Amino acid sequence: MDKYTPPTVEVAMWVHWKYDPLDERLAAALVTAVGDQSITVTVFHRGFVNGKSISGVLHAEDPALKKRTPDNQNQSGCWQHTPLTEKLMALVQKAAPKRARELVDASVG
């Protein structure tokens, strides 16, 4: 089985965070650490008085989410890019696909 590769994400990017991939309620989250498969975010959600740091957050399309127990999944939640970030990444890719790939590769490795 192939290993899932999450989309490119960097520290200081804003993403959407939610408890569950099927949950419609999104919260703003600031990426504070990036690992190979998961990230750490500070979530700003109406249910939290201040930002809440959450580690082990997988991408919403990561198949490993289905293997988590409900308790673990609810603690970490999942992330996805904001629509604006998706549009910006697509524009960069379209404008300079080779250079965009070089920049992405340089930023993650």
PDB file of N, CA and C in Angstrom:
ATOM      1  N   MET A   1       0.838  -1.191   0.000  1.00  0.00           N
ATOM      2  CA  MET A   1       0.000   0.000   0.000  1.00  0.00           C
ATOM      3  C   MET A   1       0.874   1.242   0.000  1.00  0.00           C
ATOM      4  N   ASP A   2       0.536   2.202  -0.856  1.00  0.00           N
ATOM      5  CA  ASP A   2       1.307   3.428  -0.941  1.00  0.00           C
ATOM      6  C   ASP A   2       1.068   4.311   0.276  1.00  0.00           C
ATOM      7  N   LYS A   3       2.124   4.998   0.675  1.00  0.00           N
ATOM      8  CA  LYS A   3       2.024   5.921   1.805  1.00  0.00           C
ATOM      9  C   LYS A   3       1.345   7.210   1.337  1.00  0.00           C
ATOM     10  N   TYR A   4       0.410   7.682   2.110  1.00  0.00           N
ATOM     11  CA  TYR A   4      -0.297   8.924   1.779  1.00  0.00           C
ATOM     12  C   TYR A   4       0.650  10.108   1.929  1.00  0.00           C
ATOM     13  N   THR A   5       0.635  10.977   0.947  1.00  0.00           N
ATOM     14  CA  THR A   5       1.439  12.199   1.003  1.00  0.00           C
ATOM     15  C   THR A   5       0.483  13.381   1.144  1.00  0.00           C
ATOM     16  N   PRO A   6       0.512  14.053   2.294  1.00  0.00           N
ATOM     17  CA  PRO A   6      -0.391  15.192   2.477  1.00  0.00           C
ATOM     18  C   PRO A   6       0.020  16.363   1.596  1.00  0.00           C
ATOM     19  N   PRO A   7      -0.909  17.287   1.344  1.00  0.00           N
ATOM     20  CA  PRO A   7      -0.566  18.474   0.568  1.00  0.00           C
ATOM     21  C   PRO A   7       0.529  19.291   1.267  1.00  0.00           C
ATOM     22  N   THR A   8       1.211  20.090   0.499  1.00  0.00           N
ATOM     23  CA  THR A   8       2.255  20.954   1.040  1.00  0.00           C
ATOM     24  C   THR A   8       1.641  21.953   2.021  1.00  0.00           C
ATOM     25  N   VAL A   9       2.299  22.091   3.147  1.00  0.00           N
ATOM     26  CA  VAL A   9       1.886  23.057   4.156  1.00  0.00           C
ATOM     27  C   VAL A   9       3.141  23.524   4.883  1.00  0.00           C
ATOM     28  N   GLU A  10       3.148  24.768   5.324  1.00  0.00           N
ATOM     29  CA  GLU A  10       4.318  25.325   5.995  1.00  0.00           C
ATOM     30  C   GLU A  10       3.914  26.011   7.293  1.00  0.00           C
ATOM     31  N   VAL A  11       4.881  26.147   8.174  1.00  0.00           N
ATOM     32  CA  VAL A  11       4.662  26.880   9.422  1.00  0.00           C
ATOM     33  C   VAL A  11       4.235  28.308   9.064  1.00  0.00           C
ATOM     34  N   ALA A  12       3.287  28.817   9.808  1.00  0.00           N
ATOM     35  CA  ALA A  12       2.727  30.168   9.677  1.00  0.00           C
ATOM     36  C   ALA A  12       1.632  30.271   8.615  1.00  0.00           C
ATOM     37  N   MET A  13       1.264  29.160   7.978  1.00  0.00           N
ATOM     38  CA  MET A  13       0.129  29.171   7.050  1.00  0.00           C
ATOM     39  C   MET A  13      -1.166  29.020   7.850  1.00  0.00           C
ATOM     40  N   TRP A  14      -2.217  29.637   7.344  1.00  0.00           N
ATOM     41  CA  TRP A  14      -3.539  29.445   7.918  1.00  0.00           C
ATOM     42  C   TRP A  14      -4.224  28.309   7.184  1.00  0.00           C
ATOM     43  N   VAL A  15      -4.868  27.436   7.938  1.00  0.00           N
ATOM     44  CA  VAL A  15      -5.616  26.313   7.381  1.00  0.00           C
ATOM     45  C   VAL A  15      -6.968  26.252   8.078  1.00  0.00           C
ATOM     46  N   HIS A  16      -7.840  25.427   7.533  1.00  0.00           N
ATOM     47  CA  HIS A  16      -9.096  25.135   8.213  1.00  0.00           C
ATOM     48  C   HIS A  16      -8.905  23.868   9.026  1.00  0.00           C
ATOM     49  N   TRP A  17      -9.436  23.850  10.228  1.00  0.00           N
ATOM     50  CA  TRP A  17      -9.373  22.694  11.113  1.00  0.00           C
ATOM     51  C   TRP A  17     -10.796  22.306  11.474  1.00  0.00           C
ATOM     52  N   LYS A  18     -11.025  21.009  11.629  1.00  0.00           N
ATOM     53  CA  LYS A  18     -12.329  20.529  12.092  1.00  0.00           C
ATOM     54  C   LYS A  18     -12.137  19.227  12.840  1.00  0.00           C
ATOM     55  N   TYR A  19     -13.115  18.898  13.677  1.00  0.00           N
ATOM     56  CA  TYR A  19     -13.038  17.683  14.486  1.00  0.00           C
ATOM     57  C   TYR A  19     -13.007  16.427  13.628  1.00  0.00           C
ATOM     58  N   ASP A  20     -13.803  16.412  12.580  1.00  0.00           N
ATOM     59  CA  ASP A  20     -14.025  15.203  11.802  1.00  0.00           C
ATOM     60  C   ASP A  20     -14.069  15.576  10.317  1.00  0.00           C
ATOM     61  N   PRO A  21     -13.577  14.706   9.412  1.00  0.00           N
ATOM     62  CA  PRO A  21     -13.613  15.035   7.983  1.00  0.00           C
ATOM     63  C   PRO A  21     -15.009  15.337   7.452  1.00  0.00           C
ATOM     64  N   LEU A  22     -16.039  14.774   8.068  1.00  0.00           N
ATOM     65  CA  LEU A  22     -17.408  14.997   7.605  1.00  0.00           C
ATOM     66  C   LEU A  22     -18.080  16.196   8.264  1.00  0.00           C
ATOM     67  N   ASP A  23     -17.419  16.784   9.234  1.00  0.00           N
ATOM     68  CA  ASP A  23     -17.964  17.929   9.964  1.00  0.00           C
ATOM     69  C   ASP A  23     -17.997  19.155   9.052  1.00  0.00           C
ATOM     70  N   GLU A  24     -19.095  19.867   9.052  1.00  0.00           N
ATOM     71  CA  GLU A  24     -19.233  21.077   8.234  1.00  0.00           C
ATOM     72  C   GLU A  24     -18.649  22.313   8.921  1.00  0.00           C
ATOM     73  N   ARG A  25     -18.485  22.255  10.240  1.00  0.00           N
ATOM     74  CA  ARG A  25     -18.011  23.419  10.989  1.00  0.00           C
ATOM     75  C   ARG A  25     -16.493  23.519  10.899  1.00  0.00           C
ATOM     76  N   LEU A  26     -16.013  24.622  10.349  1.00  0.00           N
ATOM     77  CA  LEU A  26     -14.584  24.852  10.199  1.00  0.00           C
ATOM     78  C   LEU A  26     -14.118  25.907  11.180  1.00  0.00           C
ATOM     79  N   ALA A  27     -12.876  25.786  11.602  1.00  0.00           N
ATOM     80  CA  ALA A  27     -12.264  26.790  12.469  1.00  0.00           C
ATOM     81  C   ALA A  27     -10.942  27.214  11.841  1.00  0.00           C
ATOM     82  N   ALA A  28     -10.564  28.455  12.059  1.00  0.00           N
ATOM     83  CA  ALA A  28      -9.269  28.940  11.589  1.00  0.00           C
ATOM     84  C   ALA A  28      -8.172  28.356  12.467  1.00  0.00           C
ATOM     85  N   ALA A  29      -7.078  27.959  11.837  1.00  0.00           N
ATOM     86  CA  ALA A  29      -5.957  27.390  12.582  1.00  0.00           C
ATOM     87  C   ALA A  29      -4.648  27.854  11.958  1.00  0.00           C
ATOM     88  N   LEU A  30      -3.700  28.178  12.818  1.00  0.00           N
ATOM     89  CA  LEU A  30      -2.379  28.600  12.386  1.00  0.00           C
ATOM     90  C   LEU A  30      -1.423  27.420  12.538  1.00  0.00           C
ATOM     91  N   VAL A  31      -0.721  27.065  11.469  1.00  0.00           N
ATOM     92  CA  VAL A  31       0.217  25.941  11.507  1.00  0.00           C
ATOM     93  C   VAL A  31       1.449  26.361  12.296  1.00  0.00           C
ATOM     94  N   THR A  32       1.796  25.577  13.324  1.00  0.00           N
ATOM     95  CA  THR A  32       2.951  25.905  14.165  1.00  0.00           C
ATOM     96  C   THR A  32       4.076  24.882  14.072  1.00  0.00           C
ATOM     97  N   ALA A  33       3.797  23.707  13.497  1.00  0.00           N
ATOM     98  CA  ALA A  33       4.843  22.698  13.267  1.00  0.00           C
ATOM     99  C   ALA A  33       4.358  21.761  12.173  1.00  0.00           C
ATOM    100  N   VAL A  34       5.325  21.263  11.383  1.00  0.00           N
ATOM    101  CA  VAL A  34       5.000  20.366  10.277  1.00  0.00           C
ATOM    102  C   VAL A  34       5.835  19.102  10.387  1.00  0.00           C
ATOM    103  N   GLY A  35       5.158  17.956  10.380  1.00  0.00           N
ATOM    104  CA  GLY A  35       5.836  16.664  10.369  1.00  0.00           C
ATOM    105  C   GLY A  35       5.622  15.984   9.033  1.00  0.00           C
ATOM    106  N   ASP A  36       6.079  14.756   8.920  1.00  0.00           N
ATOM    107  CA  ASP A  36       5.924  14.016   7.663  1.00  0.00           C
ATOM    108  C   ASP A  36       4.466  13.719   7.346  1.00  0.00           C
ATOM    109  N   GLN A  37       3.685  13.344   8.352  1.00  0.00           N
ATOM    110  CA  GLN A  37       2.299  12.953   8.129  1.00  0.00           C
ATOM    111  C   GLN A  37       1.286  13.854   8.828  1.00  0.00           C
ATOM    112  N   SER A  38       1.711  14.565   9.850  1.00  0.00           N
ATOM    113  CA  SER A  38       0.763  15.387  10.603  1.00  0.00           C
ATOM    114  C   SER A  38       1.362  16.759  10.897  1.00  0.00           C
ATOM    115  N   ILE A  39       0.498  17.639  11.348  1.00  0.00           N
ATOM    116  CA  ILE A  39       0.935  18.990  11.699  1.00  0.00           C
ATOM    117  C   ILE A  39       0.442  19.336  13.106  1.00  0.00           C
ATOM    118  N   THR A  40       1.009  20.400  13.649  1.00  0.00           N
ATOM    119  CA  THR A  40       0.525  20.980  14.894  1.00  0.00           C
ATOM    120  C   THR A  40      -0.063  22.339  14.543  1.00  0.00           C
ATOM    121  N   VAL A  41      -1.222  22.627  15.088  1.00  0.00           N
ATOM    122  CA  VAL A  41      -1.895  23.889  14.803  1.00  0.00           C
ATOM    123  C   VAL A  41      -2.342  24.551  16.098  1.00  0.00           C
ATOM    124  N   THR A  42      -2.519  25.837  16.035  1.00  0.00           N
ATOM    125  CA  THR A  42      -3.208  26.565  17.089  1.00  0.00           C
ATOM    126  C   THR A  42      -4.566  26.931  16.519  1.00  0.00           C
ATOM    127  N   VAL A  43      -5.610  26.375  17.115  1.00  0.00           N
ATOM    128  CA  VAL A  43      -6.968  26.532  16.606  1.00  0.00           C
ATOM    129  C   VAL A  43      -7.655  27.704  17.309  1.00  0.00           C
ATOM    130  N   PHE A  44      -8.321  28.519  16.516  1.00  0.00           N
ATOM    131  CA  PHE A  44      -9.119  29.627  17.038  1.00  0.00           C
ATOM    132  C   PHE A  44     -10.572  29.308  16.717  1.00  0.00           C
ATOM    133  N   HIS A  45     -11.252  28.751  17.702  1.00  0.00           N
ATOM    134  CA  HIS A  45     -12.610  28.227  17.539  1.00  0.00           C
ATOM    135  C   HIS A  45     -13.503  28.916  18.552  1.00  0.00           C
ATOM    136  N   ARG A  46     -14.740  29.115  18.209  1.00  0.00           N
ATOM    137  CA  ARG A  46     -15.635  29.828  19.131  1.00  0.00           C
ATOM    138  C   ARG A  46     -15.803  29.100  20.458  1.00  0.00           C
ATOM    139  N   GLY A  47     -15.505  27.815  20.488  1.00  0.00           N
ATOM    140  CA  GLY A  47     -15.607  27.064  21.731  1.00  0.00           C
ATOM    141  C   GLY A  47     -14.388  27.187  22.631  1.00  0.00           C
ATOM    142  N   PHE A  48     -13.325  27.819  22.137  1.00  0.00           N
ATOM    143  CA  PHE A  48     -12.091  27.979  22.906  1.00  0.00           C
ATOM    144  C   PHE A  48     -11.937  29.442  23.307  1.00  0.00           C
ATOM    145  N   VAL A  49     -11.584  29.692  24.557  1.00  0.00           N
ATOM    146  CA  VAL A  49     -11.406  31.068  25.027  1.00  0.00           C
ATOM    147  C   VAL A  49     -10.219  31.718  24.313  1.00  0.00           C
ATOM    148  N   ASN A  50      -9.104  31.006  24.226  1.00  0.00           N
ATOM    149  CA  ASN A  50      -7.923  31.458  23.503  1.00  0.00           C
ATOM    150  C   ASN A  50      -7.597  30.404  22.452  1.00  0.00           C
ATOM    151  N   GLY A  51      -6.528  30.603  21.710  1.00  0.00           N
ATOM    152  CA  GLY A  51      -6.106  29.578  20.774  1.00  0.00           C
ATOM    153  C   GLY A  51      -5.743  28.307  21.524  1.00  0.00           C
ATOM    154  N   LYS A  52      -6.017  27.171  20.913  1.00  0.00           N
ATOM    155  CA  LYS A  52      -5.712  25.882  21.529  1.00  0.00           C
ATOM    156  C   LYS A  52      -4.735  25.132  20.623  1.00  0.00           C
ATOM    157  N   SER A  53      -3.593  24.733  21.183  1.00  0.00           N
ATOM    158  CA  SER A  53      -2.595  23.990  20.423  1.00  0.00           C
ATOM    159  C   SER A  53      -3.001  22.523  20.339  1.00  0.00           C
ATOM    160  N   ILE A  54      -3.006  21.992  19.105  1.00  0.00           N
ATOM    161  CA  ILE A  54      -3.378  20.601  18.881  1.00  0.00           C
ATOM    162  C   ILE A  54      -2.328  19.967  17.971  1.00  0.00           C
ATOM    163  N   SER A  55      -1.749  18.868  18.414  1.00  0.00           N
ATOM    164  CA  SER A  55      -0.744  18.177  17.607  1.00  0.00           C
ATOM    165  C   SER A  55      -1.320  16.890  17.023  1.00  0.00           C
ATOM    166  N   GLY A  56      -0.615  16.322  16.068  1.00  0.00           N
ATOM    167  CA  GLY A  56      -1.052  15.079  15.447  1.00  0.00           C
ATOM    168  C   GLY A  56      -2.223  15.239  14.510  1.00  0.00           C
ATOM    169  N   VAL A  57      -2.383  16.424  13.931  1.00  0.00           N
ATOM    170  CA  VAL A  57      -3.513  16.716  13.056  1.00  0.00           C
ATOM    171  C   VAL A  57      -3.193  16.211  11.644  1.00  0.00           C
ATOM    172  N   LEU A  58      -4.013  15.280  11.155  1.00  0.00           N
ATOM    173  CA  LEU A  58      -3.835  14.722   9.818  1.00  0.00           C
ATOM    174  C   LEU A  58      -4.655  15.498   8.799  1.00  0.00           C
ATOM    175  N   HIS A  59      -4.272  15.394   7.523  1.00  0.00           N
ATOM    176  CA  HIS A  59      -5.051  16.021   6.463  1.00  0.00           C
ATOM    177  C   HIS A  59      -6.409  15.330   6.356  1.00  0.00           C
ATOM    178  N   ALA A  60      -7.421  16.069   5.964  1.00  0.00           N
ATOM    179  CA  ALA A  60      -8.793  15.554   5.912  1.00  0.00           C
ATOM    180  C   ALA A  60      -8.951  14.349   4.982  1.00  0.00           C
ATOM    181  N   GLU A  61      -8.077  14.200   3.986  1.00  0.00           N
ATOM    182  CA  GLU A  61      -8.185  13.083   3.046  1.00  0.00           C
ATOM    183  C   GLU A  61      -7.242  11.931   3.380  1.00  0.00           C
ATOM    184  N   ASP A  62      -6.545  12.017   4.505  1.00  0.00           N
ATOM    185  CA  ASP A  62      -5.603  10.968   4.891  1.00  0.00           C
ATOM    186  C   ASP A  62      -6.368   9.706   5.292  1.00  0.00           C
ATOM    187  N   PRO A  63      -6.102   8.571   4.633  1.00  0.00           N
ATOM    188  CA  PRO A  63      -6.799   7.327   4.985  1.00  0.00           C
ATOM    189  C   PRO A  63      -6.580   6.900   6.437  1.00  0.00           C
ATOM    190  N   ALA A  64      -5.505   7.336   7.060  1.00  0.00           N
ATOM    191  CA  ALA A  64      -5.231   6.967   8.453  1.00  0.00           C
ATOM    192  C   ALA A  64      -6.295   7.509   9.409  1.00  0.00           C
ATOM    193  N   LEU A  65      -7.031   8.534   8.996  1.00  0.00           N
ATOM    194  CA  LEU A  65      -8.100   9.068   9.857  1.00  0.00           C
ATOM    195  C   LEU A  65      -9.133   7.990  10.175  1.00  0.00           C
ATOM    196  N   LYS A  66      -9.398   7.127   9.214  1.00  0.00           N
ATOM    197  CA  LYS A  66     -10.400   6.076   9.415  1.00  0.00           C
ATOM    198  C   LYS A  66      -9.942   5.035  10.424  1.00  0.00           C
ATOM    199  N   LYS A  67      -8.629   4.943  10.655  1.00  0.00           N
ATOM    200  CA  LYS A  67      -8.080   3.961  11.587  1.00  0.00           C
ATOM    201  C   LYS A  67      -8.042   4.483  13.016  1.00  0.00           C
ATOM    202  N   ARG A  68      -8.269   5.759  13.206  1.00  0.00           N
ATOM    203  CA  ARG A  68      -8.224   6.331  14.550  1.00  0.00           C
ATOM    204  C   ARG A  68      -9.493   5.996  15.309  1.00  0.00           C
ATOM    205  N   THR A  69      -9.350   5.910  16.610  1.00  0.00           N
ATOM    206  CA  THR A  69     -10.522   5.712  17.452  1.00  0.00           C
ATOM    207  C   THR A  69     -11.276   7.033  17.535  1.00  0.00           C
ATOM    208  N   PRO A  70     -12.555   7.010  17.851  1.00  0.00           N
ATOM    209  CA  PRO A  70     -13.294   8.266  17.963  1.00  0.00           C
ATOM    210  C   PRO A  70     -12.662   9.239  18.955  1.00  0.00           C
ATOM    211  N   ASP A  71     -12.132   8.741  20.068  1.00  0.00           N
ATOM    212  CA  ASP A  71     -11.508   9.630  21.047  1.00  0.00           C
ATOM    213  C   ASP A  71     -10.274  10.315  20.461  1.00  0.00           C
ATOM    214  N   ASN A  72      -9.417   9.544  19.814  1.00  0.00           N
ATOM    215  CA  ASN A  72      -8.195  10.088  19.234  1.00  0.00           C
ATOM    216  C   ASN A  72      -8.527  11.061  18.114  1.00  0.00           C
ATOM    217  N   GLN A  73      -9.475  10.699  17.253  1.00  0.00           N
ATOM    218  CA  GLN A  73      -9.840  11.554  16.136  1.00  0.00           C
ATOM    219  C   GLN A  73     -10.411  12.875  16.630  1.00  0.00           C
ATOM    220  N   ASN A  74     -11.264  12.819  17.649  1.00  0.00           N
ATOM    221  CA  ASN A  74     -11.856  14.042  18.164  1.00  0.00           C
ATOM    222  C   ASN A  74     -10.831  14.928  18.840  1.00  0.00           C
ATOM    223  N   GLN A  75      -9.807  14.337  19.441  1.00  0.00           N
ATOM    224  CA  GLN A  75      -8.776  15.143  20.084  1.00  0.00           C
ATOM    225  C   GLN A  75      -7.942  15.892  19.056  1.00  0.00           C
ATOM    226  N   SER A  76      -7.565  15.219  17.966  1.00  0.00           N
ATOM    227  CA  SER A  76      -6.666  15.832  16.989  1.00  0.00           C
ATOM    228  C   SER A  76      -7.395  16.540  15.868  1.00  0.00           C
ATOM    229  N   GLY A  77      -8.497  16.004  15.425  1.00  0.00           N
ATOM    230  CA  GLY A  77      -9.212  16.584  14.305  1.00  0.00           C
ATOM    231  C   GLY A  77      -8.435  16.415  13.013  1.00  0.00           C
ATOM    232  N   CYS A  78      -8.755  17.222  12.013  1.00  0.00           N
ATOM    233  CA  CYS A  78      -8.068  17.165  10.730  1.00  0.00           C
ATOM    234  C   CYS A  78      -8.016  18.565  10.129  1.00  0.00           C
ATOM    235  N   TRP A  79      -7.188  18.708   9.102  1.00  0.00           N
ATOM    236  CA  TRP A  79      -7.009  20.025   8.489  1.00  0.00           C
ATOM    237  C   TRP A  79      -7.197  19.935   6.980  1.00  0.00           C
ATOM    238  N   GLN A  80      -7.454  21.089   6.392  1.00  0.00           N
ATOM    239  CA  GLN A  80      -7.477  21.232   4.937  1.00  0.00           C
ATOM    240  C   GLN A  80      -7.104  22.676   4.615  1.00  0.00           C
ATOM    241  N   HIS A  81      -6.627  22.877   3.386  1.00  0.00           N
ATOM    242  CA  HIS A  81      -6.284  24.238   2.989  1.00  0.00           C
ATOM    243  C   HIS A  81      -7.540  25.094   2.897  1.00  0.00           C
ATOM    244  N   THR A  82      -7.378  26.385   3.113  1.00  0.00           N
ATOM    245  CA  THR A  82      -8.481  27.312   2.906  1.00  0.00           C
ATOM    246  C   THR A  82      -8.686  27.475   1.399  1.00  0.00           C
ATOM    247  N   PRO A  83      -9.870  27.874   0.963  1.00  0.00           N
ATOM    248  CA  PRO A  83     -10.090  28.092  -0.473  1.00  0.00           C
ATOM    249  C   PRO A  83      -9.102  29.110  -1.066  1.00  0.00           C
ATOM    250  N   LEU A  84      -8.779  30.154  -0.312  1.00  0.00           N
ATOM    251  CA  LEU A  84      -7.823  31.151  -0.815  1.00  0.00           C
ATOM    252  C   LEU A  84      -6.454  30.520  -1.048  1.00  0.00           C
ATOM    253  N   THR A  85      -5.978  29.714  -0.104  1.00  0.00           N
ATOM    254  CA  THR A  85      -4.679  29.061  -0.258  1.00  0.00           C
ATOM    255  C   THR A  85      -4.689  28.139  -1.471  1.00  0.00           C
ATOM    256  N   GLU A  86      -5.764  27.391  -1.670  1.00  0.00           N
ATOM    257  CA  GLU A  86      -5.860  26.508  -2.830  1.00  0.00           C
ATOM    258  C   GLU A  86      -5.781  27.297  -4.130  1.00  0.00           C
ATOM    259  N   LYS A  87      -6.465  28.446  -4.186  1.00  0.00           N
ATOM    260  CA  LYS A  87      -6.427  29.285  -5.389  1.00  0.00           C
ATOM    261  C   LYS A  87      -5.026  29.835  -5.633  1.00  0.00           C
ATOM    262  N   LEU A  88      -4.388  30.314  -4.579  1.00  0.00           N
ATOM    263  CA  LEU A  88      -3.035  30.864  -4.728  1.00  0.00           C
ATOM    264  C   LEU A  88      -2.045  29.798  -5.180  1.00  0.00           C
ATOM    265  N   MET A  89      -2.135  28.610  -4.618  1.00  0.00           N
ATOM    266  CA  MET A  89      -1.233  27.530  -5.011  1.00  0.00           C
ATOM    267  C   MET A  89      -1.459  27.138  -6.472  1.00  0.00           C
ATOM    268  N   ALA A  90      -2.710  27.121  -6.902  1.00  0.00           N
ATOM    269  CA  ALA A  90      -3.015  26.795  -8.302  1.00  0.00           C
ATOM    270  C   ALA A  90      -2.469  27.871  -9.241  1.00  0.00           C
ATOM    271  N   LEU A  91      -2.580  29.148  -8.860  1.00  0.00           N
ATOM    272  CA  LEU A  91      -2.047  30.230  -9.684  1.00  0.00           C
ATOM    273  C   LEU A  91      -0.531  30.143  -9.826  1.00  0.00           C
ATOM    274  N   VAL A  92       0.146  29.872  -8.740  1.00  0.00           N
ATOM    275  CA  VAL A  92       1.604  29.739  -8.790  1.00  0.00           C
ATOM    276  C   VAL A  92       1.988  28.565  -9.684  1.00  0.00           C
ATOM    277  N   GLN A  93       1.298  27.452  -9.534  1.00  0.00           N
ATOM    278  CA  GLN A  93       1.584  26.265 -10.341  1.00  0.00           C
ATOM    279  C   GLN A  93       1.355  26.540 -11.823  1.00  0.00           C
ATOM    280  N   LYS A  94       0.290  27.251 -12.134  1.00  0.00           N
ATOM    281  CA  LYS A  94      -0.039  27.551 -13.534  1.00  0.00           C
ATOM    282  C   LYS A  94       0.949  28.544 -14.134  1.00  0.00           C
ATOM    283  N   ALA A  95       1.352  29.538 -13.358  1.00  0.00           N
ATOM    284  CA  ALA A  95       2.239  30.583 -13.865  1.00  0.00           C
ATOM    285  C   ALA A  95       3.657  30.071 -14.104  1.00  0.00           C
ATOM    286  N   ALA A  96       4.132  29.237 -13.234  1.00  0.00           N
ATOM    287  CA  ALA A  96       5.510  28.750 -13.346  1.00  0.00           C
ATOM    288  C   ALA A  96       5.607  27.353 -12.742  1.00  0.00           C
ATOM    289  N   PRO A  97       5.107  26.337 -13.454  1.00  0.00           N
ATOM    290  CA  PRO A  97       5.042  25.002 -12.858  1.00  0.00           C
ATOM    291  C   PRO A  97       6.394  24.454 -12.404  1.00  0.00           C
ATOM    292  N   LYS A  98       7.443  24.627 -13.208  1.00  0.00           N
ATOM    293  CA  LYS A  98       8.744  24.089 -12.817  1.00  0.00           C
ATOM    294  C   LYS A  98       9.289  24.836 -11.604  1.00  0.00           C
ATOM    295  N   ARG A  99       9.228  26.163 -11.638  1.00  0.00           N
ATOM    296  CA  ARG A  99       9.732  26.971 -10.526  1.00  0.00           C
ATOM    297  C   ARG A  99       8.891  26.748  -9.276  1.00  0.00           C
ATOM    298  N   ALA A 100       7.585  26.586  -9.427  1.00  0.00           N
ATOM    299  CA  ALA A 100       6.715  26.339  -8.282  1.00  0.00           C
ATOM    300  C   ALA A 100       7.113  25.035  -7.597  1.00  0.00           C
ATOM    301  N   ARG A 101       7.387  23.990  -8.386  1.00  0.00           N
ATOM    302  CA  ARG A 101       7.782  22.711  -7.814  1.00  0.00           C
ATOM    303  C   ARG A 101       9.115  22.842  -7.089  1.00  0.00           C
ATOM    304  N   GLU A 102      10.059  23.629  -7.653  1.00  0.00           N
ATOM    305  CA  GLU A 102      11.352  23.850  -7.007  1.00  0.00           C
ATOM    306  C   GLU A 102      11.168  24.566  -5.684  1.00  0.00           C
ATOM    307  N   LEU A 103      10.298  25.561  -5.639  1.00  0.00           N
ATOM    308  CA  LEU A 103      10.046  26.305  -4.395  1.00  0.00           C
ATOM    309  C   LEU A 103       9.412  25.410  -3.355  1.00  0.00           C
ATOM    310  N   VAL A 104       8.460  24.588  -3.760  1.00  0.00           N
ATOM    311  CA  VAL A 104       7.799  23.677  -2.822  1.00  0.00           C
ATOM    312  C   VAL A 104       8.817  22.682  -2.285  1.00  0.00           C
ATOM    313  N   ASP A 105       9.616  22.110  -3.176  1.00  0.00           N
ATOM    314  CA  ASP A 105      10.617  21.138  -2.741  1.00  0.00           C
ATOM    315  C   ASP A 105      11.628  21.770  -1.789  1.00  0.00           C
ATOM    316  N   ALA A 106      12.044  22.997  -2.075  1.00  0.00           N
ATOM    317  CA  ALA A 106      13.013  23.681  -1.219  1.00  0.00           C
ATOM    318  C   ALA A 106      12.429  23.992   0.160  1.00  0.00           C
ATOM    319  N   SER A 107      11.133  24.287   0.202  1.00  0.00           N
ATOM    320  CA  SER A 107      10.521  24.670   1.479  1.00  0.00           C
ATOM    321  C   SER A 107      10.302  23.487   2.393  1.00  0.00           C
ATOM    322  N   VAL A 108      10.163  22.297   1.848  1.00  0.00           N
ATOM    323  CA  VAL A 108       9.919  21.128   2.683  1.00  0.00           C
ATOM    324  C   VAL A 108      11.149  20.258   2.860  1.00  0.00           C
ATOM    325  N   GLY A 109      12.190  20.569   2.212  1.00  0.00           N
ATOM    326  CA  GLY A 109      13.305  19.666   2.369  1.00  0.00           C
ATOM    327  C   GLY A 109      14.616  20.324   2.352  1.00  0.00           C
TER     328      GLY A 109
END
